[in-house]
Amino acid sequence: MNTTVKTDLSSFDNSDYQVGKSKLIVFLWYFFNVIFFINPLNPFSGLKVVLLRLFGAEIGQNVTIKPAVSIKYPWKLVVGNHVWLGEKVWIDNLDQVKIADNCCISQGTLLLCGSHDFTRSSFDLKTGKITLEEGVWIGAKSIIYKNTNCGSHSVLAMNSVVVTDLESYWVYRGNPAEKIFERKITD
């Protein structure tokens, strides 16, 4: 084991990371995000949808965005129809996040597309996509990690952490999330 090499954050360099928009657009989005999204005093979901579309997000019909939601980069966000984003959801989308139709992301959930390579002294940035297929329900205060696909109609119980793909029509719980039982939907 090499114990002489240590983390050196002064050598951190993420200049190869592509935000995808100009510095001006990123700067403008920062203020719109703070004023209209993170601000818990703005309950107007329709206005939020319009702003997301103006900044390049693909947003479907009948999308509900509750107060205090934070979205890192709307141009890296695709949201289907009839989607609910609960209070204090944080979409830290350093990479693309796709949320299909009829998904519910409950309060305080974190979708985390970035991390760091702790094996490198420079602590390099690592990013990956997140996909939520149709009918997924993410329970309150859960975390979805980069390079994760939540299969169609899968469920993640509250306070759970996902680091690998979820199979369709299964309920998961825990940290790390484990398959608990099959989801059966009735009329």
N, C-alpha and C. Protein backbone atom coordinates (compact mmCIF):
# COMPACT_ATOMS: atom_id res chain seq x y z
N MET A 1 0.85 -1.17 0.00
CA MET A 1 0.00 0.00 0.00
C MET A 1 0.90 1.24 0.00
N ASN A 2 0.56 2.18 -0.89
CA ASN A 2 1.33 3.42 -1.00
C ASN A 2 0.70 4.48 -0.11
N THR A 3 1.32 4.77 1.00
CA THR A 3 0.78 5.78 1.93
C THR A 3 1.51 7.10 1.82
N THR A 4 2.47 7.22 0.88
CA THR A 4 3.22 8.47 0.75
C THR A 4 2.52 9.46 -0.17
N VAL A 5 1.68 8.98 -1.11
CA VAL A 5 0.95 9.87 -2.01
C VAL A 5 -0.31 10.34 -1.29
N LYS A 6 -0.56 11.63 -1.34
CA LYS A 6 -1.71 12.20 -0.66
C LYS A 6 -2.56 13.00 -1.63
N THR A 7 -3.78 13.25 -1.23
CA THR A 7 -4.66 14.09 -2.03
C THR A 7 -4.09 15.49 -2.11
N ASP A 8 -4.08 16.05 -3.33
CA ASP A 8 -3.55 17.40 -3.54
C ASP A 8 -4.58 18.18 -4.35
N LEU A 9 -5.49 18.84 -3.67
CA LEU A 9 -6.56 19.56 -4.36
C LEU A 9 -6.05 20.74 -5.18
N SER A 10 -4.84 21.19 -4.94
CA SER A 10 -4.29 22.27 -5.75
C SER A 10 -4.04 21.81 -7.19
N SER A 11 -3.97 20.49 -7.41
CA SER A 11 -3.77 19.97 -8.76
C SER A 11 -5.08 19.60 -9.45
N PHE A 12 -6.21 19.85 -8.75
CA PHE A 12 -7.52 19.55 -9.35
C PHE A 12 -7.72 20.40 -10.59
N ASP A 13 -8.12 19.75 -11.69
CA ASP A 13 -8.33 20.45 -12.95
C ASP A 13 -9.47 19.77 -13.69
N ASN A 14 -10.60 20.42 -13.77
CA ASN A 14 -11.71 19.85 -14.53
C ASN A 14 -11.96 20.64 -15.82
N SER A 15 -10.88 21.19 -16.38
CA SER A 15 -11.01 22.01 -17.60
C SER A 15 -11.53 21.20 -18.79
N ASP A 16 -11.43 19.88 -18.74
CA ASP A 16 -11.96 19.08 -19.83
C ASP A 16 -13.47 18.84 -19.69
N TYR A 17 -14.07 19.21 -18.55
CA TYR A 17 -15.50 19.06 -18.35
C TYR A 17 -16.24 20.12 -19.18
N GLN A 18 -17.25 19.70 -19.92
CA GLN A 18 -18.02 20.58 -20.78
C GLN A 18 -19.39 20.87 -20.16
N VAL A 19 -19.59 22.13 -19.77
CA VAL A 19 -20.89 22.55 -19.22
C VAL A 19 -21.95 22.52 -20.31
N GLY A 20 -21.57 22.87 -21.53
CA GLY A 20 -22.51 22.82 -22.64
C GLY A 20 -23.12 24.15 -23.01
N LYS A 21 -22.86 25.20 -22.27
CA LYS A 21 -23.37 26.54 -22.56
C LYS A 21 -22.29 27.56 -22.22
N SER A 22 -22.50 28.77 -22.70
CA SER A 22 -21.54 29.84 -22.44
C SER A 22 -21.56 30.23 -20.96
N LYS A 23 -20.51 30.90 -20.53
CA LYS A 23 -20.44 31.37 -19.14
C LYS A 23 -21.58 32.33 -18.82
N LEU A 24 -21.99 33.12 -19.81
CA LEU A 24 -23.11 34.04 -19.60
C LEU A 24 -24.40 33.28 -19.30
N ILE A 25 -24.69 32.25 -20.09
CA ILE A 25 -25.91 31.46 -19.86
C ILE A 25 -25.87 30.77 -18.50
N VAL A 26 -24.72 30.21 -18.15
CA VAL A 26 -24.57 29.56 -16.84
C VAL A 26 -24.80 30.58 -15.73
N PHE A 27 -24.24 31.78 -15.87
CA PHE A 27 -24.40 32.85 -14.89
C PHE A 27 -25.88 33.26 -14.77
N LEU A 28 -26.55 33.45 -15.91
CA LEU A 28 -27.97 33.80 -15.88
C LEU A 28 -28.80 32.71 -15.22
N TRP A 29 -28.51 31.45 -15.60
CA TRP A 29 -29.27 30.35 -15.00
C TRP A 29 -29.09 30.33 -13.49
N TYR A 30 -27.90 30.58 -13.00
CA TYR A 30 -27.65 30.58 -11.56
C TYR A 30 -28.67 31.49 -10.85
N PHE A 31 -28.87 32.70 -11.38
CA PHE A 31 -29.80 33.63 -10.73
C PHE A 31 -31.26 33.22 -10.90
N PHE A 32 -31.64 32.72 -12.07
CA PHE A 32 -33.01 32.25 -12.26
C PHE A 32 -33.29 31.06 -11.34
N ASN A 33 -32.31 30.18 -11.19
CA ASN A 33 -32.47 29.02 -10.31
C ASN A 33 -32.68 29.47 -8.86
N VAL A 34 -31.89 30.43 -8.42
CA VAL A 34 -32.02 30.93 -7.04
C VAL A 34 -33.35 31.64 -6.82
N ILE A 35 -33.73 32.50 -7.75
CA ILE A 35 -34.93 33.33 -7.57
C ILE A 35 -36.23 32.55 -7.77
N PHE A 36 -36.29 31.71 -8.80
CA PHE A 36 -37.55 31.06 -9.15
C PHE A 36 -37.66 29.60 -8.73
N PHE A 37 -36.55 28.92 -8.48
CA PHE A 37 -36.61 27.49 -8.16
C PHE A 37 -36.27 27.21 -6.71
N ILE A 38 -35.07 27.55 -6.28
CA ILE A 38 -34.64 27.27 -4.92
C ILE A 38 -35.48 28.06 -3.91
N ASN A 39 -35.89 29.24 -4.28
CA ASN A 39 -36.72 30.10 -3.42
C ASN A 39 -38.02 29.38 -3.06
N PRO A 40 -38.25 29.08 -1.79
CA PRO A 40 -39.46 28.35 -1.41
C PRO A 40 -40.74 29.19 -1.50
N LEU A 41 -40.60 30.50 -1.78
CA LEU A 41 -41.77 31.37 -1.86
C LEU A 41 -42.42 31.39 -3.25
N ASN A 42 -41.85 30.64 -4.20
CA ASN A 42 -42.43 30.60 -5.55
C ASN A 42 -43.15 29.27 -5.77
N PRO A 43 -44.47 29.25 -5.65
CA PRO A 43 -45.21 28.00 -5.83
C PRO A 43 -45.65 27.75 -7.28
N PHE A 44 -45.29 28.62 -8.21
CA PHE A 44 -45.86 28.58 -9.56
C PHE A 44 -45.11 27.62 -10.47
N SER A 45 -45.62 26.42 -10.57
CA SER A 45 -45.01 25.36 -11.36
C SER A 45 -44.95 25.72 -12.85
N GLY A 46 -46.01 26.33 -13.37
CA GLY A 46 -46.06 26.68 -14.79
C GLY A 46 -44.94 27.62 -15.20
N LEU A 47 -44.65 28.60 -14.36
CA LEU A 47 -43.55 29.54 -14.63
C LEU A 47 -42.22 28.80 -14.65
N LYS A 48 -42.03 27.88 -13.75
CA LYS A 48 -40.79 27.10 -13.70
C LYS A 48 -40.61 26.28 -14.98
N VAL A 49 -41.69 25.68 -15.45
CA VAL A 49 -41.62 24.90 -16.69
C VAL A 49 -41.21 25.79 -17.86
N VAL A 50 -41.81 26.96 -17.96
CA VAL A 50 -41.46 27.90 -19.04
C VAL A 50 -39.99 28.27 -18.96
N LEU A 51 -39.50 28.60 -17.77
CA LEU A 51 -38.09 28.98 -17.61
C LEU A 51 -37.15 27.83 -17.97
N LEU A 52 -37.49 26.63 -17.54
CA LEU A 52 -36.65 25.48 -17.89
C LEU A 52 -36.56 25.30 -19.41
N ARG A 53 -37.69 25.43 -20.08
CA ARG A 53 -37.70 25.31 -21.55
C ARG A 53 -36.86 26.42 -22.19
N LEU A 54 -36.96 27.64 -21.67
CA LEU A 54 -36.17 28.75 -22.20
C LEU A 54 -34.67 28.50 -22.08
N PHE A 55 -34.27 27.77 -21.04
CA PHE A 55 -32.86 27.47 -20.83
C PHE A 55 -32.46 26.12 -21.43
N GLY A 56 -33.33 25.52 -22.25
CA GLY A 56 -32.93 24.34 -23.03
C GLY A 56 -33.38 23.00 -22.53
N ALA A 57 -34.13 22.95 -21.44
CA ALA A 57 -34.64 21.66 -20.96
C ALA A 57 -35.77 21.19 -21.87
N GLU A 58 -35.90 19.88 -22.00
CA GLU A 58 -37.04 19.29 -22.69
C GLU A 58 -38.03 18.87 -21.61
N ILE A 59 -39.17 19.57 -21.55
CA ILE A 59 -40.15 19.34 -20.49
C ILE A 59 -41.49 18.98 -21.13
N GLY A 60 -42.08 17.88 -20.67
CA GLY A 60 -43.36 17.43 -21.20
C GLY A 60 -44.53 18.23 -20.65
N GLN A 61 -45.71 17.67 -20.81
CA GLN A 61 -46.94 18.31 -20.38
C GLN A 61 -47.30 17.90 -18.95
N ASN A 62 -47.99 18.79 -18.25
CA ASN A 62 -48.51 18.52 -16.92
C ASN A 62 -47.41 18.11 -15.93
N VAL A 63 -46.33 18.87 -15.93
CA VAL A 63 -45.21 18.63 -15.01
C VAL A 63 -45.40 19.54 -13.79
N THR A 64 -45.30 18.96 -12.60
CA THR A 64 -45.44 19.71 -11.35
C THR A 64 -44.08 19.84 -10.70
N ILE A 65 -43.68 21.09 -10.44
CA ILE A 65 -42.40 21.37 -9.78
C ILE A 65 -42.72 22.15 -8.51
N LYS A 66 -42.53 21.50 -7.38
CA LYS A 66 -42.83 22.11 -6.08
C LYS A 66 -41.76 23.14 -5.71
N PRO A 67 -41.98 23.91 -4.64
CA PRO A 67 -41.00 24.91 -4.20
C PRO A 67 -39.68 24.29 -3.74
N ALA A 68 -38.63 25.10 -3.84
CA ALA A 68 -37.29 24.79 -3.34
C ALA A 68 -36.59 23.67 -4.11
N VAL A 69 -36.95 23.49 -5.38
CA VAL A 69 -36.26 22.52 -6.25
C VAL A 69 -35.04 23.21 -6.84
N SER A 70 -33.92 22.50 -6.91
CA SER A 70 -32.70 23.06 -7.50
C SER A 70 -32.27 22.20 -8.68
N ILE A 71 -31.98 22.85 -9.80
CA ILE A 71 -31.54 22.15 -11.01
C ILE A 71 -30.24 22.78 -11.47
N LYS A 72 -29.19 21.99 -11.56
CA LYS A 72 -27.86 22.50 -11.91
C LYS A 72 -27.83 23.09 -13.32
N TYR A 73 -28.15 22.27 -14.33
CA TYR A 73 -28.07 22.71 -15.73
C TYR A 73 -29.32 22.23 -16.48
N PRO A 74 -30.27 23.11 -16.75
CA PRO A 74 -31.51 22.68 -17.41
C PRO A 74 -31.28 22.12 -18.81
N TRP A 75 -30.25 22.54 -19.49
CA TRP A 75 -29.98 22.04 -20.85
C TRP A 75 -29.51 20.59 -20.85
N LYS A 76 -29.31 20.01 -19.67
CA LYS A 76 -28.95 18.60 -19.54
C LYS A 76 -30.09 17.82 -18.88
N LEU A 77 -31.33 18.32 -19.05
CA LEU A 77 -32.49 17.72 -18.39
C LEU A 77 -33.60 17.42 -19.40
N VAL A 78 -34.11 16.19 -19.35
CA VAL A 78 -35.26 15.78 -20.15
C VAL A 78 -36.30 15.23 -19.18
N VAL A 79 -37.51 15.81 -19.22
CA VAL A 79 -38.59 15.39 -18.32
C VAL A 79 -39.81 15.08 -19.16
N GLY A 80 -40.42 13.92 -18.93
CA GLY A 80 -41.59 13.50 -19.68
C GLY A 80 -42.87 14.16 -19.19
N ASN A 81 -44.00 13.56 -19.55
CA ASN A 81 -45.32 14.05 -19.19
C ASN A 81 -45.74 13.54 -17.81
N HIS A 82 -46.52 14.36 -17.11
CA HIS A 82 -47.13 13.98 -15.83
C HIS A 82 -46.09 13.58 -14.79
N VAL A 83 -45.06 14.39 -14.67
CA VAL A 83 -43.98 14.13 -13.71
C VAL A 83 -44.13 15.08 -12.52
N TRP A 84 -43.83 14.58 -11.32
CA TRP A 84 -43.88 15.38 -10.10
C TRP A 84 -42.49 15.47 -9.52
N LEU A 85 -42.04 16.69 -9.24
CA LEU A 85 -40.79 16.94 -8.53
C LEU A 85 -41.16 17.57 -7.19
N GLY A 86 -40.92 16.86 -6.11
CA GLY A 86 -41.31 17.31 -4.77
C GLY A 86 -40.41 18.40 -4.22
N GLU A 87 -40.84 18.98 -3.09
CA GLU A 87 -40.09 20.04 -2.44
C GLU A 87 -38.65 19.60 -2.18
N LYS A 88 -37.74 20.54 -2.41
CA LYS A 88 -36.31 20.37 -2.12
C LYS A 88 -35.64 19.25 -2.90
N VAL A 89 -36.19 18.85 -4.03
CA VAL A 89 -35.48 17.92 -4.91
C VAL A 89 -34.28 18.67 -5.47
N TRP A 90 -33.14 18.00 -5.52
CA TRP A 90 -31.93 18.60 -6.07
C TRP A 90 -31.44 17.73 -7.21
N ILE A 91 -31.51 18.29 -8.43
CA ILE A 91 -31.02 17.59 -9.62
C ILE A 91 -29.66 18.19 -9.94
N ASP A 92 -28.62 17.52 -9.46
CA ASP A 92 -27.24 17.97 -9.66
C ASP A 92 -26.72 17.32 -10.93
N ASN A 93 -27.27 17.79 -12.06
CA ASN A 93 -27.03 17.12 -13.34
C ASN A 93 -25.81 17.67 -14.08
N LEU A 94 -24.66 17.26 -13.61
CA LEU A 94 -23.41 17.54 -14.35
C LEU A 94 -23.38 16.76 -15.65
N ASP A 95 -24.23 15.76 -15.75
CA ASP A 95 -24.42 14.97 -16.97
C ASP A 95 -25.93 14.91 -17.21
N GLN A 96 -26.33 14.23 -18.25
CA GLN A 96 -27.75 14.21 -18.61
C GLN A 96 -28.60 13.42 -17.63
N VAL A 97 -29.75 13.99 -17.29
CA VAL A 97 -30.78 13.32 -16.50
C VAL A 97 -32.02 13.22 -17.36
N LYS A 98 -32.54 11.99 -17.49
CA LYS A 98 -33.78 11.75 -18.23
C LYS A 98 -34.79 11.16 -17.27
N ILE A 99 -35.95 11.83 -17.20
CA ILE A 99 -37.05 11.39 -16.35
C ILE A 99 -38.24 11.15 -17.26
N ALA A 100 -38.66 9.89 -17.38
CA ALA A 100 -39.73 9.53 -18.30
C ALA A 100 -41.10 9.90 -17.74
N ASP A 101 -42.15 9.60 -18.50
CA ASP A 101 -43.53 9.91 -18.12
C ASP A 101 -43.91 9.26 -16.79
N ASN A 102 -44.80 9.96 -16.06
CA ASN A 102 -45.46 9.43 -14.87
C ASN A 102 -44.51 9.05 -13.74
N CYS A 103 -43.41 9.77 -13.62
CA CYS A 103 -42.47 9.55 -12.51
C CYS A 103 -42.78 10.51 -11.37
N CYS A 104 -42.53 10.05 -10.16
CA CYS A 104 -42.69 10.87 -8.96
C CYS A 104 -41.37 10.86 -8.21
N ILE A 105 -40.79 12.05 -8.04
CA ILE A 105 -39.55 12.18 -7.28
C ILE A 105 -39.92 12.96 -6.02
N SER A 106 -39.89 12.27 -4.90
CA SER A 106 -40.40 12.84 -3.64
C SER A 106 -39.42 13.81 -2.99
N GLN A 107 -39.91 14.47 -1.95
CA GLN A 107 -39.23 15.55 -1.26
C GLN A 107 -37.80 15.19 -0.85
N GLY A 108 -36.90 16.14 -1.07
CA GLY A 108 -35.54 16.01 -0.58
C GLY A 108 -34.65 15.02 -1.31
N THR A 109 -35.10 14.51 -2.43
CA THR A 109 -34.31 13.55 -3.20
C THR A 109 -33.16 14.26 -3.90
N LEU A 110 -32.03 13.57 -4.01
CA LEU A 110 -30.84 14.07 -4.70
C LEU A 110 -30.52 13.16 -5.87
N LEU A 111 -30.50 13.73 -7.08
CA LEU A 111 -30.02 13.02 -8.27
C LEU A 111 -28.62 13.54 -8.52
N LEU A 112 -27.63 12.71 -8.32
CA LEU A 112 -26.23 13.12 -8.25
C LEU A 112 -25.44 12.53 -9.42
N CYS A 113 -25.16 13.37 -10.41
CA CYS A 113 -24.45 12.93 -11.62
C CYS A 113 -22.94 13.08 -11.54
N GLY A 114 -22.42 13.57 -10.44
CA GLY A 114 -20.98 13.78 -10.34
C GLY A 114 -20.40 13.30 -9.04
N SER A 115 -19.11 12.99 -9.11
CA SER A 115 -18.36 12.58 -7.94
C SER A 115 -16.88 12.83 -8.24
N HIS A 116 -16.01 12.28 -7.42
CA HIS A 116 -14.58 12.46 -7.61
C HIS A 116 -13.87 11.13 -7.56
N ASP A 117 -12.76 11.04 -8.27
CA ASP A 117 -11.93 9.85 -8.28
C ASP A 117 -10.99 9.93 -7.09
N PHE A 118 -11.36 9.28 -5.99
CA PHE A 118 -10.58 9.36 -4.77
C PHE A 118 -9.27 8.57 -4.85
N THR A 119 -9.08 7.80 -5.96
CA THR A 119 -7.83 7.06 -6.13
C THR A 119 -6.74 7.92 -6.76
N ARG A 120 -7.09 9.10 -7.21
CA ARG A 120 -6.13 10.01 -7.85
C ARG A 120 -5.80 11.16 -6.90
N SER A 121 -4.56 11.53 -6.84
CA SER A 121 -4.17 12.63 -5.95
C SER A 121 -4.85 13.94 -6.35
N SER A 122 -5.16 14.07 -7.64
CA SER A 122 -5.81 15.30 -8.14
C SER A 122 -7.32 15.31 -7.93
N PHE A 123 -7.89 14.19 -7.43
CA PHE A 123 -9.31 14.13 -7.08
C PHE A 123 -10.20 14.46 -8.27
N ASP A 124 -9.87 13.88 -9.45
CA ASP A 124 -10.54 14.19 -10.72
C ASP A 124 -12.06 14.05 -10.65
N LEU A 125 -12.75 14.93 -11.39
CA LEU A 125 -14.21 14.88 -11.51
C LEU A 125 -14.61 13.70 -12.38
N LYS A 126 -15.64 12.98 -11.94
CA LYS A 126 -16.21 11.89 -12.71
C LYS A 126 -17.71 12.14 -12.80
N THR A 127 -18.27 12.03 -14.01
CA THR A 127 -19.71 12.26 -14.18
C THR A 127 -20.34 11.07 -14.89
N GLY A 128 -21.66 10.97 -14.77
CA GLY A 128 -22.40 9.92 -15.44
C GLY A 128 -23.88 10.27 -15.50
N LYS A 129 -24.58 9.65 -16.42
CA LYS A 129 -26.00 9.93 -16.65
C LYS A 129 -26.88 9.21 -15.64
N ILE A 130 -28.09 9.74 -15.49
CA ILE A 130 -29.13 9.10 -14.69
C ILE A 130 -30.39 9.02 -15.54
N THR A 131 -31.03 7.85 -15.56
CA THR A 131 -32.27 7.66 -16.29
C THR A 131 -33.32 7.05 -15.38
N LEU A 132 -34.48 7.68 -15.34
CA LEU A 132 -35.64 7.13 -14.65
C LEU A 132 -36.66 6.79 -15.72
N GLU A 133 -36.92 5.50 -15.90
CA GLU A 133 -37.88 5.07 -16.91
C GLU A 133 -39.31 5.32 -16.44
N GLU A 134 -40.27 5.04 -17.29
CA GLU A 134 -41.67 5.36 -17.02
C GLU A 134 -42.17 4.77 -15.70
N GLY A 135 -42.93 5.59 -14.94
CA GLY A 135 -43.63 5.13 -13.76
C GLY A 135 -42.77 4.93 -12.52
N VAL A 136 -41.55 5.42 -12.52
CA VAL A 136 -40.66 5.25 -11.36
C VAL A 136 -41.12 6.16 -10.22
N TRP A 137 -41.02 5.66 -9.00
CA TRP A 137 -41.29 6.46 -7.82
C TRP A 137 -40.06 6.42 -6.92
N ILE A 138 -39.50 7.60 -6.66
CA ILE A 138 -38.35 7.72 -5.77
C ILE A 138 -38.85 8.31 -4.45
N GLY A 139 -38.66 7.58 -3.36
CA GLY A 139 -39.13 8.00 -2.05
C GLY A 139 -38.33 9.17 -1.50
N ALA A 140 -38.91 9.85 -0.55
CA ALA A 140 -38.33 11.07 0.04
C ALA A 140 -36.92 10.84 0.56
N LYS A 141 -36.08 11.86 0.35
CA LYS A 141 -34.71 11.92 0.86
C LYS A 141 -33.83 10.77 0.38
N SER A 142 -34.10 10.27 -0.80
CA SER A 142 -33.26 9.23 -1.39
C SER A 142 -32.19 9.86 -2.25
N ILE A 143 -31.19 9.05 -2.59
CA ILE A 143 -30.09 9.51 -3.46
C ILE A 143 -29.96 8.54 -4.63
N ILE A 144 -29.93 9.11 -5.83
CA ILE A 144 -29.67 8.34 -7.05
C ILE A 144 -28.30 8.76 -7.55
N TYR A 145 -27.40 7.81 -7.70
CA TYR A 145 -26.01 8.08 -8.06
C TYR A 145 -25.80 7.97 -9.57
N LYS A 146 -24.74 8.56 -10.06
CA LYS A 146 -24.41 8.60 -11.49
C LYS A 146 -24.35 7.19 -12.09
N ASN A 147 -24.53 7.15 -13.42
CA ASN A 147 -24.51 5.90 -14.19
C ASN A 147 -25.56 4.90 -13.71
N THR A 148 -26.73 5.43 -13.35
CA THR A 148 -27.80 4.58 -12.84
C THR A 148 -29.03 4.68 -13.73
N ASN A 149 -29.66 3.51 -13.95
CA ASN A 149 -30.92 3.43 -14.67
C ASN A 149 -31.95 2.81 -13.74
N CYS A 150 -33.03 3.55 -13.47
CA CYS A 150 -34.12 3.02 -12.67
C CYS A 150 -35.16 2.48 -13.63
N GLY A 151 -35.30 1.16 -13.67
CA GLY A 151 -36.19 0.50 -14.63
C GLY A 151 -37.64 0.90 -14.46
N SER A 152 -38.41 0.67 -15.51
CA SER A 152 -39.81 1.03 -15.56
C SER A 152 -40.57 0.58 -14.32
N HIS A 153 -41.27 1.52 -13.70
CA HIS A 153 -42.15 1.27 -12.56
C HIS A 153 -41.43 0.71 -11.33
N SER A 154 -40.12 0.92 -11.26
CA SER A 154 -39.41 0.54 -10.04
C SER A 154 -39.71 1.57 -8.96
N VAL A 155 -39.53 1.16 -7.70
CA VAL A 155 -39.80 2.02 -6.55
C VAL A 155 -38.57 1.98 -5.65
N LEU A 156 -38.19 3.16 -5.17
CA LEU A 156 -37.11 3.26 -4.21
C LEU A 156 -37.69 3.84 -2.92
N ALA A 157 -37.61 3.08 -1.84
CA ALA A 157 -38.18 3.53 -0.56
C ALA A 157 -37.41 4.72 -0.03
N MET A 158 -38.04 5.50 0.85
CA MET A 158 -37.43 6.71 1.37
C MET A 158 -36.10 6.43 2.07
N ASN A 159 -35.23 7.45 2.00
CA ASN A 159 -33.90 7.40 2.61
C ASN A 159 -33.02 6.29 2.07
N SER A 160 -33.24 5.89 0.82
CA SER A 160 -32.43 4.84 0.21
C SER A 160 -31.40 5.44 -0.72
N VAL A 161 -30.37 4.66 -1.04
CA VAL A 161 -29.29 5.11 -1.91
C VAL A 161 -29.11 4.09 -3.04
N VAL A 162 -29.17 4.59 -4.27
CA VAL A 162 -29.02 3.73 -5.45
C VAL A 162 -27.66 3.97 -6.09
N VAL A 163 -26.89 2.90 -6.22
CA VAL A 163 -25.58 2.98 -6.88
C VAL A 163 -25.48 2.02 -8.06
N THR A 164 -26.50 1.19 -8.26
CA THR A 164 -26.57 0.29 -9.42
C THR A 164 -27.98 0.35 -9.99
N ASP A 165 -28.17 -0.21 -11.15
CA ASP A 165 -29.47 -0.16 -11.82
C ASP A 165 -30.56 -0.86 -11.00
N LEU A 166 -31.78 -0.33 -11.12
CA LEU A 166 -32.95 -0.95 -10.51
C LEU A 166 -33.72 -1.68 -11.61
N GLU A 167 -34.17 -2.89 -11.30
CA GLU A 167 -34.95 -3.67 -12.26
C GLU A 167 -36.39 -3.17 -12.31
N SER A 168 -37.01 -3.27 -13.46
CA SER A 168 -38.40 -2.86 -13.64
C SER A 168 -39.33 -3.62 -12.71
N TYR A 169 -40.34 -2.91 -12.20
CA TYR A 169 -41.40 -3.48 -11.36
C TYR A 169 -40.89 -4.15 -10.09
N TRP A 170 -39.83 -3.59 -9.50
CA TRP A 170 -39.34 -4.07 -8.21
C TRP A 170 -39.24 -2.91 -7.24
N VAL A 171 -39.42 -3.21 -5.95
CA VAL A 171 -39.29 -2.23 -4.89
C VAL A 171 -37.95 -2.45 -4.21
N TYR A 172 -37.23 -1.34 -3.98
CA TYR A 172 -35.90 -1.38 -3.38
C TYR A 172 -35.88 -0.53 -2.12
N ARG A 173 -34.97 -0.90 -1.20
CA ARG A 173 -34.86 -0.15 0.05
C ARG A 173 -33.45 -0.32 0.61
N GLY A 174 -32.94 0.76 1.25
CA GLY A 174 -31.69 0.65 2.00
C GLY A 174 -30.54 1.42 1.39
N ASN A 175 -29.38 1.28 2.05
CA ASN A 175 -28.13 1.92 1.62
C ASN A 175 -27.00 0.91 1.75
N PRO A 176 -26.58 0.33 0.62
CA PRO A 176 -27.11 0.51 -0.74
C PRO A 176 -28.46 -0.19 -0.89
N ALA A 177 -29.26 0.30 -1.83
CA ALA A 177 -30.61 -0.23 -2.02
C ALA A 177 -30.56 -1.70 -2.46
N GLU A 178 -31.45 -2.47 -1.83
CA GLU A 178 -31.56 -3.89 -2.16
C GLU A 178 -32.99 -4.19 -2.60
N LYS A 179 -33.12 -5.16 -3.49
CA LYS A 179 -34.43 -5.58 -3.99
C LYS A 179 -35.21 -6.21 -2.84
N ILE A 180 -36.46 -5.73 -2.62
CA ILE A 180 -37.27 -6.22 -1.51
C ILE A 180 -38.41 -7.12 -1.99
N PHE A 181 -39.25 -6.59 -2.87
CA PHE A 181 -40.35 -7.39 -3.41
C PHE A 181 -40.81 -6.81 -4.74
N GLU A 182 -41.57 -7.59 -5.48
CA GLU A 182 -42.06 -7.18 -6.79
C GLU A 182 -43.21 -6.19 -6.63
N ARG A 183 -43.22 -5.18 -7.51
CA ARG A 183 -44.32 -4.20 -7.50
C ARG A 183 -45.44 -4.70 -8.40
N LYS A 184 -46.62 -4.82 -7.83
CA LYS A 184 -47.80 -5.22 -8.60
C LYS A 184 -48.78 -4.06 -8.59
N ILE A 185 -49.15 -3.59 -9.75
CA ILE A 185 -50.05 -2.43 -9.87
C ILE A 185 -51.44 -2.92 -10.25
N THR A 186 -52.45 -2.46 -9.51
CA THR A 186 -53.83 -2.81 -9.82
C THR A 186 -54.60 -1.56 -10.19
N ASP A 187 -55.77 -1.74 -10.77
CA ASP A 187 -56.62 -0.60 -11.14
C ASP A 187 -57.28 0.00 -9.94
